[in-house]
């Protein structure tokens, strides 16, 4: 009697009725199949996977990460104590049917193509945006770039050291949303298809000219017409893109547009912090000297407050004098271990009121600020009513 053999795929196992069975055997192409891996994912990621909204990112010398449109995941291999069988869907691979391998009548046969030693799992991680800062900081946009526009040969040479959006996607391990947020945090701007950080001295020139023009044209710093501001700055020799960028860096849009021109208000804190940075760029100063010069530098109508400088400056006592110097959170690494290492190199002990501005921007999935402190610091408190002090663990 001829044996009956019906080849079935993974769906036959998935849909197996209770109290029923199916024969399992080796596929004709059974082997190690290193290109086939099991991936365990959270159900909330399934739509992104099925609709191909994910990408693997990383350079050859880096461990790859999987990115959805908004998050980044490390890929870890986890070994299995059991031996999962991988059975392909029907028709995915050609099968050599050999009924003689089975005794009796076999109504269903599911072929195993591989035994999986383990599976990959995804663990959400922080994007590696320090690399973004490193790449863009190598070639900031400055006054020299404006001069080079007249010399096409210099422009072409410079482009070899610049990065488009696609270049950054290929080099930085971050989701698209995280990458855009990283560019925004760096106040980067896209110029001629390339993302650039603008040199601080050049931004200072543009801001000073904007403030100068506001006095000449009797503009209110709380209601700046974008078209007017940009037009005048362009006539002063600044590129239109950079003139508009200045408003984005130091201002915020006022609710409601007037006609087609956006209305902007200069942000008091951002403008004041900018001039404080300029003053302290030459080195530390006595507190009284710094405050007097800072007050003199800011535009009329704005008020300074030392609280504006949280995360920007530190103070130290030298005898009876208090000195202030620049120590900006924006210059510190985004990796927690490296961040705390630099903080404790600057000071061996930190009071919480001083430390908090330098760690509140750290975002580690699954780890709170308290968890970061437990992991990287030692807390001491001489008395119950004393402020806690943190030192290196």
Protein backbone atom coordinates (compact mmCIF):
# COMPACT_ATOMS: atom_id res chain seq x y z
CA UNK A 1 0.00 0.00 0.00
CA UNK A 2 1.44 3.39 -0.99
CA UNK A 3 2.16 5.64 1.90
CA UNK A 4 0.44 9.03 2.02
CA UNK A 5 2.57 12.01 2.95
CA UNK A 6 1.38 15.59 3.11
CA UNK A 7 4.08 18.20 3.68
CA UNK A 8 2.98 20.96 6.05
CA UNK A 9 4.64 24.12 7.34
CA UNK A 10 4.75 26.16 10.51
CA UNK A 11 1.08 27.04 10.24
CA UNK A 12 0.14 23.40 10.76
CA UNK A 13 1.90 23.40 14.13
CA UNK A 14 0.50 26.77 15.14
CA UNK A 15 -3.04 25.63 14.33
CA UNK A 16 -2.73 22.14 15.84
CA UNK A 17 -5.96 21.09 17.51
CA UNK A 18 -6.00 19.81 21.12
CA UNK A 19 -5.39 16.07 21.51
CA UNK A 20 -3.98 15.84 17.98
CA UNK A 21 -0.45 15.30 16.72
CA UNK A 22 1.76 15.86 13.73
CA UNK A 23 4.95 14.18 12.63
CA UNK A 24 8.19 16.16 12.86
CA UNK A 25 11.15 15.38 10.66
CA UNK A 26 14.29 16.87 9.22
CA UNK A 27 13.94 19.18 6.24
CA UNK A 28 16.03 18.23 3.21
CA UNK A 29 17.90 21.53 3.71
CA UNK A 30 18.38 21.04 7.47
CA UNK A 31 21.57 22.70 8.74
CA UNK A 32 23.04 25.54 10.82
CA UNK A 33 21.54 28.32 8.63
CA UNK A 34 23.41 31.15 10.32
CA UNK A 35 21.29 33.65 8.38
CA UNK A 36 18.17 32.53 10.27
CA UNK A 37 17.77 33.90 13.81
CA UNK A 38 14.92 34.04 16.28
CA UNK A 39 14.01 37.55 17.45
CA UNK A 40 11.94 38.00 20.61
CA UNK A 41 10.09 41.32 20.62
CA UNK A 42 7.57 43.16 22.73
CA UNK A 43 4.10 43.16 21.21
CA UNK A 44 4.12 46.96 20.99
CA UNK A 45 7.04 46.74 18.50
CA UNK A 46 5.26 44.27 16.24
CA UNK A 47 3.59 46.91 13.99
CA UNK A 48 6.95 48.60 13.31
CA UNK A 49 8.54 45.24 12.50
CA UNK A 50 5.72 44.02 10.23
CA UNK A 51 5.46 47.33 8.39
CA UNK A 52 9.25 47.53 7.91
CA UNK A 53 9.64 50.71 9.94
CA UNK A 54 12.82 49.48 11.64
CA UNK A 55 16.47 49.60 10.65
CA UNK A 56 19.75 48.14 11.86
CA UNK A 57 22.35 50.86 12.41
CA UNK A 58 26.02 50.81 13.22
CA UNK A 59 29.47 50.92 11.67
CA UNK A 60 31.54 47.73 11.11
CA UNK A 61 33.45 48.33 14.38
CA UNK A 62 30.25 48.85 16.43
CA UNK A 63 27.64 46.50 17.87
CA UNK A 64 24.53 46.95 15.75
CA UNK A 65 21.39 48.47 17.22
CA UNK A 66 17.81 48.23 16.00
CA UNK A 67 15.99 51.52 15.58
CA UNK A 68 12.27 52.14 15.31
CA UNK A 69 11.11 55.61 14.22
CA UNK A 70 11.39 56.84 17.82
CA UNK A 71 13.60 54.51 19.92
CA UNK A 72 16.89 52.64 19.91
CA UNK A 73 17.39 49.03 21.04
CA UNK A 74 20.51 47.04 21.75
CA UNK A 75 20.48 43.52 20.29
CA UNK A 76 21.55 40.80 22.70
CA UNK A 77 21.88 37.06 22.07
CA UNK A 78 20.36 34.83 24.72
CA UNK A 79 21.10 31.10 24.77
CA UNK A 80 18.27 28.59 25.24
CA UNK A 81 18.39 25.62 27.61
CA UNK A 82 15.87 23.85 25.36
CA UNK A 83 16.18 23.27 21.62
CA UNK A 84 13.53 25.19 19.66
CA UNK A 85 12.79 23.74 16.22
CA UNK A 86 12.43 26.20 13.34
CA UNK A 87 9.78 25.06 10.87
CA UNK A 88 9.41 27.27 7.78
CA UNK A 89 6.02 28.23 6.28
CA UNK A 90 4.67 25.95 3.57
CA UNK A 91 6.27 26.54 0.21
CA UNK A 92 9.13 28.72 1.45
CA UNK A 93 11.79 26.10 0.69
CA UNK A 94 11.70 23.22 -1.81
CA UNK A 95 11.23 19.90 -0.02
CA UNK A 96 12.41 16.51 -1.17
CA UNK A 97 9.59 14.16 -0.15
CA UNK A 98 10.72 10.73 1.00
CA UNK A 99 7.77 8.68 2.34
CA UNK A 100 10.05 5.69 2.93
CA UNK A 101 11.44 7.52 5.99
CA UNK A 102 8.18 6.93 7.84
CA UNK A 103 6.52 3.68 8.99
CA UNK A 104 2.79 3.42 8.45
CA UNK A 105 0.53 6.10 7.08
CA UNK A 106 1.56 9.67 7.81
CA UNK A 107 -1.11 12.30 7.26
CA UNK A 108 0.95 15.33 8.18
CA UNK A 109 4.65 16.08 8.23
CA UNK A 110 6.26 19.36 9.50
CA UNK A 111 9.91 19.68 8.36
CA UNK A 112 12.49 21.19 10.76
CA UNK A 113 15.06 23.30 8.94
CA UNK A 114 17.15 24.35 11.95
CA UNK A 115 17.55 23.85 15.70
CA UNK A 116 17.95 27.30 17.29
CA UNK A 117 20.61 27.50 20.03
CA UNK A 118 19.13 30.79 21.27
CA UNK A 119 17.41 33.97 20.24
CA UNK A 120 18.00 37.67 19.98
CA UNK A 121 16.22 40.03 22.35
CA UNK A 122 15.87 43.80 22.24
CA UNK A 123 16.75 46.08 25.16
CA UNK A 124 15.91 49.77 24.92
CA UNK A 125 19.02 51.94 25.25
CA UNK A 126 19.86 55.63 25.05
CA UNK A 127 20.87 56.89 21.60
CA UNK A 128 24.61 57.39 21.09
CA UNK A 129 24.45 61.11 20.42
CA UNK A 130 27.97 61.90 21.64
CA UNK A 131 29.11 60.79 18.20
CA UNK A 132 26.74 63.29 16.59
CA UNK A 133 28.32 66.10 18.59
CA UNK A 134 31.80 64.83 17.72
CA UNK A 135 31.08 64.69 13.98
CA UNK A 136 29.48 68.13 13.74
CA UNK A 137 31.98 69.83 16.05
CA UNK A 138 34.86 69.02 13.71
CA UNK A 139 33.75 71.59 11.15
CA UNK A 140 31.49 74.32 12.58
CA UNK A 141 30.00 76.90 10.24
CA UNK A 142 31.70 80.25 10.61
CA UNK A 143 32.59 83.48 8.84
CA UNK A 144 35.15 81.60 6.72
CA UNK A 145 32.34 79.55 5.16
CA UNK A 146 30.63 82.72 3.99
CA UNK A 147 33.86 83.89 2.34
CA UNK A 148 34.36 80.48 0.69
CA UNK A 149 31.06 80.85 -1.16
CA UNK A 150 32.95 82.97 -3.70
CA UNK A 151 35.42 80.16 -4.37
CA UNK A 152 33.71 77.00 -5.63
CA UNK A 153 36.88 74.90 -5.36
CA UNK A 154 37.10 75.59 -1.62
CA UNK A 155 33.40 74.84 -1.23
CA UNK A 156 33.78 71.40 -2.86
CA UNK A 157 36.76 70.57 -0.63
CA UNK A 158 34.81 71.57 2.45
CA UNK A 159 31.83 69.38 1.51
CA UNK A 160 34.01 66.29 1.88
CA UNK A 161 34.04 66.98 5.66
CA UNK A 162 30.31 67.63 6.00
CA UNK A 163 27.36 65.37 6.77
CA UNK A 164 23.93 65.19 5.19
CA UNK A 165 20.92 63.66 6.96
CA UNK A 166 21.57 60.30 5.28
CA UNK A 167 25.25 60.47 6.32
CA UNK A 168 24.26 61.00 9.96
CA UNK A 169 21.66 58.21 9.85
CA UNK A 170 24.39 55.85 8.66
CA UNK A 171 26.91 56.90 11.31
CA UNK A 172 24.94 57.70 14.47
CA UNK A 173 23.17 54.93 16.39
CA UNK A 174 19.88 56.68 17.06
CA UNK A 175 16.31 56.59 15.79
CA UNK A 176 15.19 59.32 13.42
CA UNK A 177 13.26 61.08 16.20
CA UNK A 178 16.20 60.88 18.62
CA UNK A 179 18.56 62.12 15.92
CA UNK A 180 16.33 65.14 15.20
CA UNK A 181 16.15 65.90 18.93
CA UNK A 182 19.93 65.63 19.13
CA UNK A 183 20.34 68.11 16.26
CA UNK A 184 17.91 70.48 17.96
CA UNK A 185 19.81 70.22 21.27
CA UNK A 186 23.02 71.17 19.46
CA UNK A 187 21.26 74.11 17.72
CA UNK A 188 22.34 72.58 14.42
CA UNK A 189 21.00 73.90 11.13
CA UNK A 190 20.79 72.36 7.66
CA UNK A 191 22.74 74.46 5.14
CA UNK A 192 22.89 73.44 1.48
CA UNK A 193 21.87 69.89 2.42
CA UNK A 194 24.43 69.48 5.22
CA UNK A 195 23.87 69.69 8.96
CA UNK A 196 26.14 72.18 10.72
CA UNK A 197 26.83 73.55 14.18
CA UNK A 198 27.35 77.30 13.94
CA UNK A 199 30.52 78.73 15.46
CA UNK A 200 29.73 80.60 18.70
CA UNK A 201 31.65 83.69 17.63
CA UNK A 202 29.71 83.86 14.38
CA UNK A 203 26.39 83.44 16.22
CA UNK A 204 27.52 86.23 18.54
CA UNK A 205 28.08 88.50 15.51
CA UNK A 206 24.57 87.79 14.18
CA UNK A 207 22.89 88.29 17.56
CA UNK A 208 24.72 91.56 18.21
CA UNK A 209 23.75 92.84 14.77
CA UNK A 210 20.12 91.84 15.38
CA UNK A 211 20.13 93.77 18.67
CA UNK A 212 21.83 96.74 17.00
CA UNK A 213 19.20 96.77 14.24
CA UNK A 214 16.41 96.55 16.81
CA UNK A 215 17.61 99.85 18.27
CA UNK A 216 18.04 101.52 14.86
CA UNK A 217 14.62 100.39 13.63
CA UNK A 218 12.81 100.70 16.95
CA UNK A 219 11.86 97.00 16.99
CA UNK A 220 10.36 95.50 20.10
CA UNK A 221 12.33 92.44 21.25
CA UNK A 222 8.98 90.93 22.22
CA UNK A 223 7.50 91.28 18.72
CA UNK A 224 10.14 90.85 16.02
CA UNK A 225 8.77 90.47 12.47
CA UNK A 226 10.76 87.62 10.92
CA UNK A 227 10.66 89.06 7.38
CA UNK A 228 11.97 92.41 8.57
CA UNK A 229 14.70 90.94 10.76
CA UNK A 230 15.95 88.51 8.13
CA UNK A 231 15.85 91.11 5.34
CA UNK A 232 17.95 93.60 7.29
CA UNK A 233 20.46 90.94 8.45
CA UNK A 234 20.87 89.74 4.85
CA UNK A 235 21.58 93.33 3.79
CA UNK A 236 24.26 93.35 6.51
CA UNK A 237 25.98 90.40 4.81
CA UNK A 238 24.64 87.40 6.73
CA UNK A 239 23.16 84.40 4.87
CA UNK A 240 19.36 84.23 4.98
CA UNK A 241 19.44 80.75 6.53
CA UNK A 242 21.66 81.94 9.39
CA UNK A 243 19.59 85.07 9.97
CA UNK A 244 16.49 82.93 10.43
CA UNK A 245 18.45 80.44 12.54
CA UNK A 246 19.39 83.21 14.97
CA UNK A 247 15.70 83.72 15.78
CA UNK A 248 15.25 79.97 16.35
CA UNK A 249 18.26 79.80 18.69
CA UNK A 250 17.58 82.90 20.80
CA UNK A 251 13.84 83.36 20.41
CA UNK A 252 10.46 81.70 20.39
CA UNK A 253 7.48 82.20 18.12
CA UNK A 254 4.68 84.35 19.45
CA UNK A 255 1.23 82.76 19.20
CA UNK A 256 -0.49 83.91 16.05
CA UNK A 257 1.22 85.12 12.88
CA UNK A 258 0.78 88.61 11.54
CA UNK A 259 0.09 88.15 7.85
CA UNK A 260 2.62 85.75 6.39
CA UNK A 261 5.50 86.83 8.59
CA UNK A 262 6.08 85.01 11.86
CA UNK A 263 6.46 87.09 14.98
CA UNK A 264 9.25 86.23 17.41
CA UNK A 265 10.10 87.14 20.99
CA UNK A 266 13.72 87.01 22.10
CA UNK A 267 14.06 84.66 25.06
CA UNK A 268 15.51 86.59 27.99
CA UNK A 269 17.23 83.60 29.56
CA UNK A 270 18.86 82.37 26.34
CA UNK A 271 20.14 85.83 25.41
CA UNK A 272 21.49 86.51 28.90
CA UNK A 273 23.18 83.08 29.10
CA UNK A 274 24.83 83.75 25.71
CA UNK A 275 26.47 86.94 26.97
CA UNK A 276 27.51 85.28 30.23
CA UNK A 277 29.29 82.60 28.20
CA UNK A 278 31.06 85.25 26.13
CA UNK A 279 32.32 87.02 29.25
CA UNK A 280 33.60 83.82 30.89
CA UNK A 281 35.20 82.48 27.71
CA UNK A 282 38.39 84.32 28.73
CA UNK A 283 38.57 82.60 32.13
CA UNK A 284 37.30 82.84 35.69
CA UNK A 285 36.32 86.17 37.21
CA UNK A 286 35.47 87.59 40.57
CA UNK A 287 31.73 87.40 41.13
CA UNK A 288 31.28 91.17 41.51
CA UNK A 289 33.26 91.90 38.34
CA UNK A 290 31.38 89.29 36.34
CA UNK A 291 27.92 90.44 37.46
CA UNK A 292 28.73 94.07 36.67
CA UNK A 293 29.98 93.26 33.15
CA UNK A 294 27.09 90.85 32.53
CA UNK A 295 24.57 93.55 33.43
CA UNK A 296 26.31 95.94 31.07
CA UNK A 297 26.28 93.50 28.13
CA UNK A 298 22.61 92.50 28.05
CA UNK A 299 20.00 94.38 25.97
CA UNK A 300 17.92 97.07 27.63
CA UNK A 301 14.76 95.81 29.23
CA UNK A 302 16.18 92.38 30.11
CA UNK A 303 16.90 91.31 33.69
CA UNK A 304 19.74 89.02 34.73
CA UNK A 305 19.55 86.40 37.45
CA UNK A 306 22.35 84.13 38.59
CA UNK A 307 19.83 81.26 38.63
CA UNK A 308 19.82 81.51 34.81
CA UNK A 309 23.30 80.03 34.86
CA UNK A 310 22.43 76.67 36.43
CA UNK A 311 24.38 74.04 34.53
CA UNK A 312 26.52 76.74 32.89
CA UNK A 313 28.89 77.98 35.62
CA UNK A 314 30.41 76.97 38.93
CA UNK A 315 31.66 79.09 41.79
CA UNK A 316 34.54 78.65 44.21
CA UNK A 317 35.74 80.44 47.31
CA UNK A 318 39.30 81.74 47.31
CA UNK A 319 39.86 83.42 50.64
CA UNK A 320 37.06 85.90 51.14
CA UNK A 321 36.42 86.24 47.40
CA UNK A 322 33.88 84.25 45.36
CA UNK A 323 34.99 83.44 41.81
CA UNK A 324 32.86 82.20 38.94
CA UNK A 325 33.96 80.17 35.92
CA UNK A 326 32.41 78.43 32.93
CA UNK A 327 31.48 74.75 33.26
CA UNK A 328 28.66 73.99 30.83
CA UNK A 329 26.58 70.83 30.86
CA UNK A 330 26.51 71.05 27.05
CA UNK A 331 30.24 70.25 26.97
CA UNK A 332 29.86 67.03 29.00
CA UNK A 333 29.42 63.49 27.62
CA UNK A 334 25.92 62.01 27.38
CA UNK A 335 27.07 58.58 28.59
CA UNK A 336 26.38 58.40 32.37
CA UNK A 337 29.68 56.73 33.32
CA UNK A 338 31.71 59.30 31.40
CA UNK A 339 29.53 62.16 32.66
CA UNK A 340 30.03 61.26 36.33
CA UNK A 341 33.73 60.65 35.73
CA UNK A 342 34.15 64.20 34.42
CA UNK A 343 32.03 65.67 37.19
CA UNK A 344 34.13 64.06 39.91
CA UNK A 345 37.33 65.11 38.17
CA UNK A 346 36.05 68.68 38.43
CA UNK A 347 34.97 68.30 42.06
CA UNK A 348 35.51 65.39 44.42
CA UNK A 349 32.30 66.22 46.30
CA UNK A 350 29.08 67.78 45.10
CA UNK A 351 26.12 69.22 46.95
CA UNK A 352 22.80 68.22 45.40
CA UNK A 353 21.86 71.78 44.39
CA UNK A 354 25.08 71.99 42.35
CA UNK A 355 25.00 68.44 40.98
CA UNK A 356 21.35 68.29 39.85
CA UNK A 357 21.68 70.70 36.87
CA UNK A 358 24.49 68.53 35.49
CA UNK A 359 22.61 65.22 35.50
CA UNK A 360 18.95 66.09 34.90
CA UNK A 361 19.38 65.74 31.12
CA UNK A 362 20.69 62.16 31.39
CA UNK A 363 18.12 59.73 30.02
CA UNK A 364 18.74 56.02 30.56
CA UNK A 365 15.79 53.71 29.76
CA UNK A 366 14.75 51.78 32.83
CA UNK A 367 16.91 53.84 35.20
CA UNK A 368 15.63 56.84 37.16
CA UNK A 369 17.72 59.76 38.43
CA UNK A 370 17.79 58.06 41.84
CA UNK A 371 19.02 54.88 40.17
CA UNK A 372 21.83 56.80 38.46
CA UNK A 373 22.91 58.29 41.77
CA UNK A 374 22.92 54.86 43.45
CA UNK A 375 24.98 53.40 40.63
CA UNK A 376 27.61 56.11 40.22
CA UNK A 377 27.80 58.02 43.52
CA UNK A 378 28.12 57.66 47.27
CA UNK A 379 25.78 59.77 49.38
CA UNK A 380 26.74 61.18 52.75
CA UNK A 381 24.77 63.39 55.14
CA UNK A 382 26.57 64.57 58.28
CA UNK A 383 23.30 65.46 60.04
CA UNK A 384 19.63 64.82 59.34
CA UNK A 385 18.98 68.46 58.47
CA UNK A 386 22.16 68.86 56.38
CA UNK A 387 22.12 68.82 52.57
CA UNK A 388 23.34 65.51 51.10
CA UNK A 389 26.80 65.40 49.56
CA UNK A 390 27.72 63.09 46.68
CA UNK A 391 31.15 61.64 45.92
CA UNK A 392 32.46 59.08 43.43
CA UNK A 393 31.54 55.44 44.01
